[in-house]
Protein backbone atom coordinates (compact mmCIF):
# COMPACT_ATOMS: atom_id res chain seq x y z
CA UNK A 1 132.41 41.94 98.38
CA UNK A 2 132.27 41.44 94.62
CA UNK A 3 134.12 44.05 92.51
CA UNK A 4 131.11 44.36 90.17
CA UNK A 5 128.88 45.35 93.09
CA UNK A 6 131.40 47.96 94.26
CA UNK A 7 131.61 49.41 90.77
CA UNK A 8 127.81 49.70 90.59
CA UNK A 9 127.62 51.44 93.96
CA UNK A 10 130.37 53.89 93.05
CA UNK A 11 128.72 54.64 89.71
CA UNK A 12 125.38 55.18 91.40
CA UNK A 13 126.87 57.59 93.93
CA UNK A 14 128.64 59.47 91.13
CA UNK A 15 125.36 59.87 89.26
CA UNK A 16 123.67 61.19 92.38
CA UNK A 17 126.44 63.73 92.87
CA UNK A 18 126.29 65.07 89.32
CA UNK A 19 122.51 64.80 88.94
CA UNK A 20 121.11 68.31 88.40
CA UNK A 21 119.18 69.55 91.46
CA UNK A 22 115.41 69.81 91.77
CA UNK A 23 114.72 70.44 88.09
CA UNK A 24 116.12 67.62 86.00
CA UNK A 25 115.75 69.64 82.82
CA UNK A 26 117.01 73.12 82.34
CA UNK A 27 115.77 75.58 79.76
CA UNK A 28 117.74 78.87 79.82
CA UNK A 29 114.58 80.80 78.99
CA UNK A 30 112.53 83.67 80.30
CA UNK A 31 109.31 85.16 78.95
CA UNK A 32 108.73 88.86 78.38
CA UNK A 33 105.20 89.87 77.36
CA UNK A 34 104.41 93.46 76.37
CA UNK A 35 100.71 94.24 76.02
CA UNK A 36 99.45 97.57 74.69
CA UNK A 37 96.09 98.31 76.32
CA UNK A 38 93.90 101.41 75.98
CA UNK A 39 95.11 103.02 79.23
CA UNK A 40 98.36 101.24 80.00
CA UNK A 41 101.26 99.39 78.43
CA UNK A 42 102.08 96.40 80.58
CA UNK A 43 105.39 94.54 80.61
CA UNK A 44 105.35 91.11 82.31
CA UNK A 45 108.48 89.07 82.94
CA UNK A 46 108.32 85.41 84.01
CA UNK A 47 111.73 83.91 84.75
CA UNK A 48 112.97 80.77 86.54
CA UNK A 49 114.69 81.68 89.78
CA UNK A 50 117.73 79.56 88.94
CA UNK A 51 118.32 81.72 85.86
CA UNK A 52 118.82 84.73 88.15
CA UNK A 53 121.58 83.14 90.24
CA UNK A 54 124.35 84.63 88.10
CA UNK A 55 122.91 88.14 88.53
CA UNK A 56 121.87 87.75 92.16
CA UNK A 57 123.59 84.76 93.84
CA UNK A 58 121.56 83.16 96.64
CA UNK A 59 122.86 83.04 100.19
CA UNK A 60 124.13 79.59 101.24
CA UNK A 61 121.38 79.27 103.83
CA UNK A 62 118.52 80.37 101.56
CA UNK A 63 115.68 77.96 100.90
CA UNK A 64 114.15 78.11 97.39
CA UNK A 65 111.24 80.18 98.72
CA UNK A 66 113.54 82.59 100.60
CA UNK A 67 115.67 83.11 97.51
CA UNK A 68 112.60 83.63 95.31
CA UNK A 69 111.32 86.27 97.74
CA UNK A 70 114.68 88.04 97.94
CA UNK A 71 115.32 88.11 94.20
CA UNK A 72 111.73 89.20 93.61
CA UNK A 73 112.31 92.23 95.83
CA UNK A 74 115.52 93.10 93.99
CA UNK A 75 113.76 92.87 90.64
CA UNK A 76 111.09 95.26 91.89
CA UNK A 77 113.66 97.73 93.25
CA UNK A 78 115.75 97.75 90.07
CA UNK A 79 112.98 97.37 87.48
CA UNK A 80 113.51 100.82 85.97
CA UNK A 81 117.19 100.03 85.32
CA UNK A 82 116.65 96.47 84.13
CA UNK A 83 114.11 97.39 81.43
CA UNK A 84 113.80 100.45 79.23
CA UNK A 85 110.67 100.91 77.17
CA UNK A 86 110.20 103.36 74.30
CA UNK A 87 106.78 104.11 72.89
CA UNK A 88 106.75 105.82 69.49
CA UNK A 89 110.54 106.16 69.94
CA UNK A 90 110.16 108.14 73.19
CA UNK A 91 111.43 106.70 76.52
CA UNK A 92 108.76 106.27 79.21
CA UNK A 93 109.13 105.61 82.92
CA UNK A 94 107.17 103.01 84.89
CA UNK A 95 104.06 104.10 86.76
CA UNK A 96 103.72 100.92 88.82
CA UNK A 97 105.90 97.88 89.56
CA UNK A 98 104.74 94.59 91.10
CA UNK A 99 106.40 91.25 91.72
CA UNK A 100 105.25 87.87 92.97
CA UNK A 101 107.08 84.69 93.98
CA UNK A 102 104.28 82.34 94.97
CA UNK A 103 106.02 79.53 93.06
CA UNK A 104 109.64 79.28 94.31
CA UNK A 105 110.71 78.00 90.88
CA UNK A 106 109.60 81.16 89.05
CA UNK A 107 109.46 84.89 89.69
CA UNK A 108 106.97 87.24 88.03
CA UNK A 109 107.60 90.96 87.47
CA UNK A 110 104.91 93.35 86.19
CA UNK A 111 105.65 96.91 85.10
CA UNK A 112 102.97 99.38 84.00
CA UNK A 113 103.82 102.29 81.70
CA UNK A 114 101.56 105.23 80.76
CA UNK A 115 100.81 105.43 77.02
CA UNK A 116 101.36 108.70 75.09
CA UNK A 117 98.55 111.20 75.66
CA UNK A 118 98.52 112.90 72.26
CA UNK A 119 98.83 109.90 69.92
CA UNK A 120 98.19 106.15 69.82
CA UNK A 121 101.03 103.72 70.31
CA UNK A 122 102.32 102.62 66.90
CA UNK A 123 105.82 101.47 67.84
CA UNK A 124 107.20 99.59 70.86
CA UNK A 125 110.91 99.17 71.57
CA UNK A 126 112.28 97.36 74.61
CA UNK A 127 115.82 97.23 75.95
CA UNK A 128 116.38 94.32 78.33
CA UNK A 129 119.40 95.12 80.46
CA UNK A 130 118.54 92.10 82.59
CA UNK A 131 119.24 89.60 79.82
CA UNK A 132 122.81 90.93 79.53
CA UNK A 133 123.41 89.88 83.14
CA UNK A 134 122.27 86.27 82.63
CA UNK A 135 124.04 83.22 81.21
CA UNK A 136 125.40 83.49 77.68
CA UNK A 137 122.93 80.82 76.45
CA UNK A 138 119.89 82.57 77.89
CA UNK A 139 117.02 83.38 75.55
CA UNK A 140 114.39 85.93 76.53
CA UNK A 141 111.30 85.31 74.45
CA UNK A 142 109.35 88.51 73.78
CA UNK A 143 105.68 88.51 72.83
CA UNK A 144 104.24 91.90 71.81
CA UNK A 145 100.44 92.12 71.91
CA UNK A 146 97.87 94.75 71.03
CA UNK A 147 94.73 94.61 73.20
CA UNK A 148 93.13 97.86 71.98
CA UNK A 149 89.87 98.09 70.11
CA UNK A 150 88.46 94.76 71.31
CA UNK A 151 85.38 94.06 73.37
CA UNK A 152 87.29 91.49 75.42
CA UNK A 153 90.85 92.79 75.78
CA UNK A 154 91.93 90.06 78.20
CA UNK A 155 91.08 87.25 75.81
CA UNK A 156 91.39 88.77 72.33
CA UNK A 157 94.78 90.46 72.29
CA UNK A 158 96.35 90.45 68.83
CA UNK A 159 99.85 89.01 68.68
CA UNK A 160 102.08 91.50 66.89
CA UNK A 161 105.45 89.76 67.23
CA UNK A 162 107.31 86.83 68.72
CA UNK A 163 110.96 87.80 69.17
CA UNK A 164 114.05 86.46 70.92
CA UNK A 165 116.54 88.47 72.98
CA UNK A 166 119.95 87.19 74.08
CA UNK A 167 122.85 88.72 76.06
CA UNK A 168 124.33 89.84 72.74
CA UNK A 169 121.04 91.05 71.22
CA UNK A 170 119.13 92.78 73.96
CA UNK A 171 116.74 95.13 72.15
CA UNK A 172 113.65 94.53 70.04
CA UNK A 173 111.26 96.70 68.09
CA UNK A 174 107.69 95.97 66.99
CA UNK A 175 105.78 98.13 64.50
CA UNK A 176 102.14 97.92 65.59
CA UNK A 177 100.91 100.04 62.68
CA UNK A 178 102.37 97.73 60.02
CA UNK A 179 101.19 94.65 61.87
CA UNK A 180 97.67 96.09 62.11
CA UNK A 181 97.66 96.54 58.33
CA UNK A 182 98.79 92.95 57.86
CA UNK A 183 96.22 91.57 60.35
CA UNK A 184 93.30 93.78 61.42
CA UNK A 185 92.15 93.68 65.01
CA UNK A 186 88.98 91.88 63.96
CA UNK A 187 90.96 89.02 62.42
CA UNK A 188 92.45 86.09 64.35
CA UNK A 189 95.76 86.82 66.05
CA UNK A 190 98.07 85.66 63.30
CA UNK A 191 99.80 88.95 62.62
CA UNK A 192 103.06 89.03 60.74
CA UNK A 193 106.16 89.08 62.90
CA UNK A 194 108.41 92.13 62.67
CA UNK A 195 111.77 92.64 64.32
CA UNK A 196 114.47 95.21 64.64
CA UNK A 197 117.66 95.51 62.64
CA UNK A 198 119.47 95.52 66.00
CA UNK A 199 119.52 91.72 65.83
CA UNK A 200 116.45 90.52 67.76
CA UNK A 201 115.09 87.69 65.67
CA UNK A 202 111.94 85.58 65.46
CA UNK A 203 111.74 82.62 67.83
CA UNK A 204 111.85 79.03 66.58
CA UNK A 205 109.36 76.97 68.60
CA UNK A 206 110.57 73.85 66.80
CA UNK A 207 114.09 74.42 68.09
CA UNK A 208 112.73 75.11 71.57
CA UNK A 209 111.01 71.72 71.49
CA UNK A 210 114.18 69.93 70.41
CA UNK A 211 116.28 71.72 73.02
CA UNK A 212 113.73 71.02 75.75
CA UNK A 213 113.73 67.25 75.22
CA UNK A 214 117.51 67.06 74.77
CA UNK A 215 118.04 68.88 78.07
CA UNK A 216 115.13 67.09 79.75
CA UNK A 217 117.18 64.54 81.64
CA UNK A 218 114.16 63.24 83.55
CA UNK A 219 112.20 62.64 80.34
CA UNK A 220 115.23 60.99 78.71
CA UNK A 221 115.84 58.69 81.70
CA UNK A 222 112.18 57.69 81.65
CA UNK A 223 112.45 56.90 77.93
CA UNK A 224 115.67 54.91 78.47
CA UNK A 225 114.07 52.87 81.26
CA UNK A 226 111.17 52.04 78.94
CA UNK A 227 113.41 51.00 76.05
CA UNK A 228 115.70 48.85 78.18
CA UNK A 229 113.28 45.92 78.22
CA UNK A 230 111.95 46.24 74.67
CA UNK A 231 113.05 43.18 72.69
CA UNK A 232 111.91 44.28 69.21
CA UNK A 233 111.41 47.42 67.18
CA UNK A 234 107.67 46.73 67.31
CA UNK A 235 107.68 46.83 71.11
CA UNK A 236 109.74 50.02 71.10
CA UNK A 237 107.44 51.64 68.54
CA UNK A 238 104.38 50.72 70.63
CA UNK A 239 105.86 52.21 73.79
CA UNK A 240 107.07 55.40 72.07
CA UNK A 241 103.70 55.87 70.35
CA UNK A 242 101.83 55.61 73.66
CA UNK A 243 104.21 58.11 75.26
CA UNK A 244 103.85 60.47 72.30
CA UNK A 245 100.05 60.41 72.22
CA UNK A 246 99.78 60.91 75.98
CA UNK A 247 102.18 63.80 76.38
CA UNK A 248 100.95 65.50 73.19
CA UNK A 249 97.42 65.48 74.63
CA UNK A 250 98.29 67.05 77.98
CA UNK A 251 100.87 69.35 76.38
CA UNK A 252 98.12 70.92 74.28
CA UNK A 253 95.58 71.08 77.12
CA UNK A 254 98.06 72.59 79.57
CA UNK A 255 99.52 75.08 77.07
CA UNK A 256 95.96 76.25 76.36
CA UNK A 257 95.43 76.49 80.15
CA UNK A 258 92.59 73.94 80.07
CA UNK A 259 94.47 71.71 82.55
CA UNK A 260 96.77 73.04 85.24
CA UNK A 261 98.60 71.34 88.11
CA UNK A 262 101.19 72.88 90.45
CA UNK A 263 104.68 72.49 88.98
CA UNK A 264 105.99 70.94 92.19
CA UNK A 265 103.40 68.14 91.89
CA UNK A 266 104.14 67.53 88.22
CA UNK A 267 107.91 67.47 88.79
CA UNK A 268 107.54 65.05 91.71
CA UNK A 269 105.30 62.64 89.77
CA UNK A 270 107.72 62.70 86.82
CA UNK A 271 110.53 61.67 89.16
CA UNK A 272 108.29 58.97 90.67
CA UNK A 273 107.54 57.63 87.19
CA UNK A 274 111.26 57.10 86.60
CA UNK A 275 111.60 55.17 89.86
CA UNK A 276 108.53 53.02 89.15
CA UNK A 277 109.48 52.01 85.60
CA UNK A 278 113.11 51.33 86.54
CA UNK A 279 112.10 49.11 89.48
CA UNK A 280 109.52 47.33 87.33
CA UNK A 281 112.34 46.44 84.92
CA UNK A 282 114.05 44.57 87.77
CA UNK A 283 111.11 43.11 89.66
CA UNK A 284 108.45 42.35 87.03
CA UNK A 285 108.59 39.00 85.18
CA UNK A 286 109.64 39.49 81.57
CA UNK A 287 108.13 36.23 80.28
CA UNK A 288 104.57 37.44 80.78
CA UNK A 289 102.85 37.82 77.41
CA UNK A 290 100.84 40.76 78.74
CA UNK A 291 103.97 42.71 79.67
CA UNK A 292 103.94 44.91 76.56
CA UNK A 293 100.24 45.80 77.00
CA UNK A 294 100.79 46.61 80.67
CA UNK A 295 103.92 48.65 79.94
CA UNK A 296 102.05 50.54 77.20
CA UNK A 297 99.28 51.42 79.66
CA UNK A 298 101.81 52.54 82.29
CA UNK A 299 103.64 54.60 79.68
CA UNK A 300 100.43 56.30 78.59
CA UNK A 301 99.47 57.14 82.16
CA UNK A 302 102.82 58.61 83.08
CA UNK A 303 103.07 60.23 79.64
CA UNK A 304 100.07 62.39 80.54
CA UNK A 305 102.07 63.82 83.44
CA UNK A 306 105.23 64.27 81.37
CA UNK A 307 103.16 66.33 78.91
CA UNK A 308 102.34 68.74 81.73
CA UNK A 309 106.08 69.09 82.30
CA UNK A 310 106.66 69.87 78.62
CA UNK A 311 103.87 72.46 78.74
CA UNK A 312 105.58 74.43 81.49
CA UNK A 313 107.84 75.98 78.83
CA UNK A 314 105.01 77.16 76.58
CA UNK A 315 102.84 78.36 79.46
CA UNK A 316 105.79 80.29 80.83
CA UNK A 317 106.11 82.00 77.45
CA UNK A 318 102.50 83.16 77.61
CA UNK A 319 100.81 80.70 75.27
CA UNK A 320 97.22 80.20 76.32
CA UNK A 321 96.64 83.90 76.91
CA UNK A 322 96.60 84.69 73.18
CA UNK A 323 94.12 82.26 71.58
CA UNK A 324 94.72 83.15 67.94
CA UNK A 325 98.48 82.79 68.25
CA UNK A 326 98.61 79.43 70.03
CA UNK A 327 98.06 76.69 67.47
CA UNK A 328 101.09 77.09 65.23
CA UNK A 329 103.67 77.63 68.04
CA UNK A 330 102.19 74.67 69.93
CA UNK A 331 102.38 72.43 66.87
CA UNK A 332 105.96 73.45 66.11
CA UNK A 333 107.06 72.92 69.70
CA UNK A 334 105.47 69.47 69.85
CA UNK A 335 107.05 68.45 66.54
CA UNK A 336 110.40 69.59 67.96
CA UNK A 337 109.88 67.49 71.09
CA UNK A 338 108.99 64.42 69.00
CA UNK A 339 111.96 64.95 66.68
CA UNK A 340 114.38 65.12 69.59
CA UNK A 341 112.77 62.13 71.28
CA UNK A 342 112.95 59.98 68.13
CA UNK A 343 116.55 61.02 67.54
CA UNK A 344 117.53 59.83 71.02
CA UNK A 345 115.58 56.58 70.63
CA UNK A 346 117.15 55.95 67.22
CA UNK A 347 120.59 56.09 68.81
CA UNK A 348 119.93 54.32 72.12
CA UNK A 349 117.61 51.47 71.17
CA UNK A 350 119.84 49.87 68.48
CA UNK A 351 122.62 49.79 71.08
CA UNK A 352 120.31 47.90 73.44
CA UNK A 353 119.42 45.44 70.66
CA UNK A 354 123.09 44.96 69.80
CA UNK A 355 123.87 44.11 73.39
CA UNK A 356 120.91 41.71 73.48
CA UNK A 357 122.30 39.76 70.52
CA UNK A 358 125.43 39.00 72.52
CA UNK A 359 123.43 36.62 74.70
CA UNK A 360 121.96 37.02 78.14
CA UNK A 361 124.26 39.86 79.23
CA UNK A 362 121.53 42.48 78.64
CA UNK A 363 118.76 40.58 80.41
CA UNK A 364 120.70 39.38 83.42
CA UNK A 365 123.30 42.10 83.96
CA UNK A 366 122.85 45.26 81.93
CA UNK A 367 119.09 45.71 82.47
CA UNK A 368 119.24 45.27 86.26
CA UNK A 369 122.37 47.39 86.64
CA UNK A 370 121.11 50.27 84.47
CA UNK A 371 117.63 50.09 85.98
CA UNK A 372 119.00 50.31 89.52
CA UNK A 373 121.11 53.33 88.59
CA UNK A 374 118.15 55.01 86.90
CA UNK A 375 115.93 54.28 89.92
CA UNK A 376 118.50 55.80 92.28
CA UNK A 377 118.75 58.99 90.23
CA UNK A 378 114.95 59.19 90.00
CA UNK A 379 114.66 58.66 93.76
CA UNK A 380 117.18 61.46 94.38
CA UNK A 381 115.20 63.83 92.17
CA UNK A 382 111.98 62.77 93.89
CA UNK A 383 113.50 63.52 97.30
CA UNK A 384 114.70 66.94 96.12
CA UNK A 385 111.37 67.86 94.56
CA UNK A 386 109.35 66.85 97.59
CA UNK A 387 111.70 68.14 100.28
CA UNK A 388 112.73 71.39 98.57
CA UNK A 389 109.55 72.34 96.75
C-alpha cells in the first residue's frame, strides 16, 4: 500500500472526526423580540438548541428532537426567572408562557405580559438572565417593536431598537416615547435606535454577515471546491459572481419570508452540493471548453440553496416580520457575507495558482486529493443532516 494513499485516508478520517456535527456553521446567536401591543407585551425568544447545551446539557441517549422537547419544557418552567421585564420602570410578571420545538434545531419561547392599566407603555427594560448562562461569545439580538395605533398591528409594527446582549451585558432599555418622536407611527419603521447606559449596544449586521461566512464551514468548503479547478482569475471571478448573485437573491427572498424551505432540507442540499462539486472536480474532464459555463450554472443553482442557509440567521432574528426595518439590515448583512467571502477567496485562490505554476502537481495530485477529502466531509455532513434531522 502506497504511503501517499495511507496519508490521504488518515487525513480524511481526521477531518471526519473533527468535522462539526449536523450544522457545519455555528452562529452563537439567539433572537429576542419584544412587541408592545395594545393589550399585551409579548416577548419571543428563538434560540438554537445547541446554544442551550451549556445551560441544560442533553442526556447521552437524547435524539435532537427529544432534547429540543426537554429543553423547551425547562424554558417554559423557568421563564419567569430567565427573563425579567420592566414596563415604565416597574417589574411585571408573565401572564402566559408558551414554548414550541417543532424544529429540533431551534426552540421558541413566548411570554405574554400585561401592560400597565393607568398609563401607556413608554419605556421597556429587559434583563436576560438566560444569556448569562450561555457561552461567553453568545450574542442575544433584541428587537423592540411598537405595534400600537396601527390598523394592521401584525404587519406594521414600528421598530424602536435593535440591541445586542451578551453574558457580560445582559440588560437593555428602549425609550418608546423618544423613538415615537423621532419616527411617528405613520412613518416607515426606521426609528432611531436607543440603548441603555448599562452596556447593551446596537447590533452590527455587517459584522454578523462576516462572522456567518467565516464560521460557515460548509459554505467555505463549497467555495474551495469551486476554486480548486479555476485556472485563471477570470474563471474564479465568474464562479464567485454567479455564487454571489444566486445566494443574494434567495437571501433577500427568504429573509423577507417570500420563500421558505425547512431548514433540514436546506442543510442537506448544501451538504450534497459540496459532495457533487468535489466529485465533479475528480470525475469531469477538465479539457472541455464548456466546463466554465457548466460550472457557472451549477454554482448558480446551488448558490440559490446556500442563500437560504444564509437567510436562516436573519429570519431567526425576526427580519421579515417588520417590513420597514428590513432593507438596511439585510443589505448590511449581505455586504458582510460578500466581504468575508472575498477575503477568503483572496487568500485561498492565489495559493492554488501558485501551486499550479509548479507544474502538474495541482492538476494530478492536489486537486484529486483535496476534492476527495472535501467530498468525504460533505458526505459525512449529509449523512448527519439526513439521519439526525
